C-alpha atoms as a PDB file:
ATOM      1  CA  MET A   1     -47.354 -46.853  30.041  1.00  0.00           C
ATOM      2  CA  ALA A   2     -45.109 -43.771  29.871  1.00  0.00           C
ATOM      3  CA  GLU A   3     -41.344 -43.855  29.885  1.00  0.00           C
ATOM      4  CA  GLN A   4     -39.804 -43.206  33.310  1.00  0.00           C
ATOM      5  CA  LEU A   5     -37.822 -40.341  33.574  1.00  0.00           C
ATOM      6  CA  LEU A   6     -34.410 -40.462  34.634  1.00  0.00           C
ATOM      7  CA  ARG A   7     -33.356 -39.258  38.170  1.00  0.00           C
ATOM      8  CA  PHE A   8     -30.346 -37.124  38.824  1.00  0.00           C
ATOM      9  CA  ILE A   9     -28.136 -37.199  41.913  1.00  0.00           C
ATOM     10  CA  MET A  10     -25.303 -35.008  42.567  1.00  0.00           C
ATOM     11  CA  CYS A  11     -22.611 -35.932  45.028  1.00  0.00           C
ATOM     12  CA  PHE A  12     -20.978 -32.768  46.177  1.00  0.00           C
ATOM     13  CA  CYS A  13     -18.129 -34.469  48.092  1.00  0.00           C
ATOM     14  CA  THR A  14     -18.884 -32.649  51.216  1.00  0.00           C
ATOM     15  CA  GLY A  15     -18.722 -29.338  49.253  1.00  0.00           C
ATOM     16  CA  LYS A  16     -15.058 -28.882  50.349  1.00  0.00           C
ATOM     17  CA  CYS A  17     -13.371 -30.625  47.414  1.00  0.00           C
ATOM     18  CA  PRO A  18     -11.312 -28.778  45.546  1.00  0.00           C
ATOM     19  CA  GLY A  19     -12.361 -30.528  42.338  1.00  0.00           C
ATOM     20  CA  PHE A  20     -15.853 -28.637  42.672  1.00  0.00           C
ATOM     21  CA  GLU A  21     -14.318 -25.467  43.197  1.00  0.00           C
ATOM     22  CA  LYS A  22     -15.221 -23.944  39.485  1.00  0.00           C
ATOM     23  CA  LEU A  23     -18.752 -25.690  39.858  1.00  0.00           C
ATOM     24  CA  ASP A  24     -21.662 -23.744  41.203  1.00  0.00           C
ATOM     25  CA  LEU A  25     -23.891 -26.432  42.446  1.00  0.00           C
ATOM     26  CA  TRP A  26     -27.088 -24.834  42.612  1.00  0.00           C
ATOM     27  CA  ASP A  27     -26.836 -23.244  38.960  1.00  0.00           C
ATOM     28  CA  LEU A  28     -26.098 -26.836  38.093  1.00  0.00           C
ATOM     29  CA  ILE A  29     -28.756 -28.439  39.755  1.00  0.00           C
ATOM     30  CA  ASN A  30     -31.572 -25.952  39.014  1.00  0.00           C
ATOM     31  CA  TYR A  31     -30.356 -26.266  35.166  1.00  0.00           C
ATOM     32  CA  VAL A  32     -30.710 -30.170  35.374  1.00  0.00           C
ATOM     33  CA  ARG A  33     -34.359 -29.952  37.078  1.00  0.00           C
ATOM     34  CA  ASN A  34     -35.601 -27.243  35.214  1.00  0.00           C
ATOM     35  CA  GLU A  35     -34.201 -27.817  31.604  1.00  0.00           C
ATOM     36  CA  LEU A  36     -33.704 -31.375  31.376  1.00  0.00           C
ATOM     37  CA  ASP A  37     -36.007 -34.506  30.979  1.00  0.00           C
ATOM     38  CA  VAL A  38     -35.536 -35.551  34.509  1.00  0.00           C
ATOM     39  CA  GLU A  39     -38.131 -36.581  36.955  1.00  0.00           C
ATOM     40  CA  TYR A  40     -36.051 -34.541  39.751  1.00  0.00           C
ATOM     41  CA  ALA A  41     -32.480 -33.617  40.693  1.00  0.00           C
ATOM     42  CA  ILE A  42     -31.269 -34.153  44.144  1.00  0.00           C
ATOM     43  CA  VAL A  43     -27.929 -33.330  46.185  1.00  0.00           C
ATOM     44  CA  HIS A  44     -25.946 -35.660  48.431  1.00  0.00           C
ATOM     45  CA  PRO A  45     -23.043 -34.473  50.373  1.00  0.00           C
ATOM     46  CA  GLN A  46     -21.030 -37.408  50.142  1.00  0.00           C
ATOM     47  CA  LEU A  47     -22.240 -40.917  48.748  1.00  0.00           C
ATOM     48  CA  CYS A  48     -19.275 -42.609  49.304  1.00  0.00           C
ATOM     49  CA  VAL A  49     -19.826 -43.064  53.195  1.00  0.00           C
ATOM     50  CA  ASP A  50     -22.006 -44.611  55.665  1.00  0.00           C
ATOM     51  CA  ASP A  51     -24.840 -42.528  55.111  1.00  0.00           C
ATOM     52  CA  GLY A  52     -24.454 -42.700  51.239  1.00  0.00           C
ATOM     53  CA  ASP A  53     -24.619 -46.548  51.301  1.00  0.00           C
ATOM     54  CA  ALA A  54     -27.780 -45.827  53.604  1.00  0.00           C
ATOM     55  CA  PHE A  55     -29.236 -43.393  51.148  1.00  0.00           C
ATOM     56  CA  TRP A  56     -28.833 -45.785  48.368  1.00  0.00           C
ATOM     57  CA  ARG A  57     -30.356 -48.873  50.139  1.00  0.00           C
ATOM     58  CA  ASP A  58     -33.328 -46.705  50.964  1.00  0.00           C
ATOM     59  CA  TYR A  59     -33.692 -44.623  47.681  1.00  0.00           C
ATOM     60  CA  ALA A  60     -32.471 -47.149  44.888  1.00  0.00           C
ATOM     61  CA  LYS A  61     -35.111 -49.357  43.114  1.00  0.00           C
ATOM     62  CA  PRO A  62     -34.908 -51.993  40.483  1.00  0.00           C
ATOM     63  CA  GLY A  63     -35.758 -50.764  37.069  1.00  0.00           C
ATOM     64  CA  VAL A  64     -34.821 -46.940  37.592  1.00  0.00           C
ATOM     65  CA  LYS A  65     -32.095 -45.176  35.763  1.00  0.00           C
ATOM     66  CA  TYR A  66     -29.908 -42.911  37.920  1.00  0.00           C
ATOM     67  CA  VAL A  67     -27.613 -40.041  36.567  1.00  0.00           C
ATOM     68  CA  VAL A  68     -24.992 -39.427  39.145  1.00  0.00           C
ATOM     69  CA  GLY A  69     -22.709 -36.633  39.044  1.00  0.00           C
ATOM     70  CA  GLY A  70     -19.539 -36.753  41.246  1.00  0.00           C
ATOM     71  CA  CYS A  71     -16.001 -38.121  41.181  1.00  0.00           C
ATOM     72  CA  ASP A  72     -14.535 -40.695  38.704  1.00  0.00           C
ATOM     73  CA  ALA A  73     -17.189 -43.158  37.315  1.00  0.00           C
ATOM     74  CA  ARG A  74     -14.805 -46.071  38.429  1.00  0.00           C
ATOM     75  CA  MET A  75     -14.531 -44.639  41.854  1.00  0.00           C
ATOM     76  CA  GLN A  76     -18.425 -44.309  41.768  1.00  0.00           C
ATOM     77  CA  ARG A  77     -18.802 -47.938  41.015  1.00  0.00           C
ATOM     78  CA  LYS A  78     -16.325 -49.110  43.592  1.00  0.00           C
ATOM     79  CA  MET A  79     -18.068 -47.149  46.049  1.00  0.00           C
ATOM     80  CA  TYR A  80     -21.900 -47.671  45.822  1.00  0.00           C
ATOM     81  CA  LYS A  81     -21.962 -50.991  43.773  1.00  0.00           C
ATOM     82  CA  ASP A  82     -22.177 -53.238  47.120  1.00  0.00           C
ATOM     83  CA  ALA A  83     -25.225 -50.974  48.604  1.00  0.00           C
ATOM     84  CA  LEU A  84     -27.081 -51.135  45.349  1.00  0.00           C
ATOM     85  CA  SER A  85     -26.803 -54.822  44.953  1.00  0.00           C
ATOM     86  CA  GLU A  86     -28.147 -55.330  48.267  1.00  0.00           C
ATOM     87  CA  VAL A  87     -31.555 -53.848  46.982  1.00  0.00           C
ATOM     88  CA  GLY A  88     -31.488 -55.419  43.362  1.00  0.00           C
ATOM     89  CA  VAL A  89     -30.135 -52.301  41.608  1.00  0.00           C
ATOM     90  CA  SER A  90     -27.246 -52.964  39.013  1.00  0.00           C
ATOM     91  CA  PHE A  91     -24.877 -50.319  38.694  1.00  0.00           C
ATOM     92  CA  GLU A  92     -23.901 -51.302  35.011  1.00  0.00           C
ATOM     93  CA  GLU A  93     -27.202 -51.267  33.991  1.00  0.00           C
ATOM     94  CA  GLN A  94     -28.933 -48.432  36.245  1.00  0.00           C
ATOM     95  CA  ILE A  95     -26.250 -46.016  36.910  1.00  0.00           C
ATOM     96  CA  VAL A  96     -24.925 -43.457  34.646  1.00  0.00           C
ATOM     97  CA  PRO A  97     -21.948 -42.364  36.520  1.00  0.00           C
ATOM     98  CA  LEU A  98     -20.409 -38.461  35.389  1.00  0.00           C
ATOM     99  CA  ASP A  99     -17.194 -37.373  36.338  1.00  0.00           C
ATOM    100  CA  LEU A 100     -18.036 -33.596  36.977  1.00  0.00           C
ATOM    101  CA  ARG A 101     -14.709 -32.673  38.811  1.00  0.00           C
ATOM    102  CA  ASN A 102     -12.619 -29.815  37.516  1.00  0.00           C
ATOM    103  CA  LEU A 103     -15.250 -28.410  35.308  1.00  0.00           C
ATOM    104  CA  THR A 104     -16.815 -24.972  35.475  1.00  0.00           C
ATOM    105  CA  THR A 105     -20.645 -25.072  35.352  1.00  0.00           C
ATOM    106  CA  ALA A 106     -21.052 -24.435  31.793  1.00  0.00           C
ATOM    107  CA  GLU A 107     -18.903 -27.446  31.353  1.00  0.00           C
ATOM    108  CA  ALA A 108     -20.460 -29.611  33.899  1.00  0.00           C
ATOM    109  CA  ILE A 109     -23.943 -28.551  32.275  1.00  0.00           C
ATOM    110  CA  GLU A 110     -22.807 -29.811  28.737  1.00  0.00           C
ATOM    111  CA  ARG A 111     -21.392 -32.932  30.121  1.00  0.00           C
ATOM    112  CA  VAL A 112     -24.955 -33.607  31.831  1.00  0.00           C
ATOM    113  CA  LYS A 113     -26.952 -32.987  28.596  1.00  0.00           C
END
């Protein structure tokens, strides 16, 4: 059985967060999906609100690893863990949270690699 590829999700904090003003979302997401060994890369505007919880409940699956670009890793854990737990997904085992705030696109690409 082939090893399952990581799935990359970029939470862009509504697109208005000053922490992402130096980051070109589309350059990053296209780099990830074209150059890295991921199954696919997607963008969500704000995973920490109600529709983010709905997204996780619909999308997350046990046994799959997700790399999540966004805010502070501790904040990601606090905001997603309950919705993930509801569908049998362990934040600690299946989520790789990356804080990409206040980075240029090149710096974010290096962190994601």
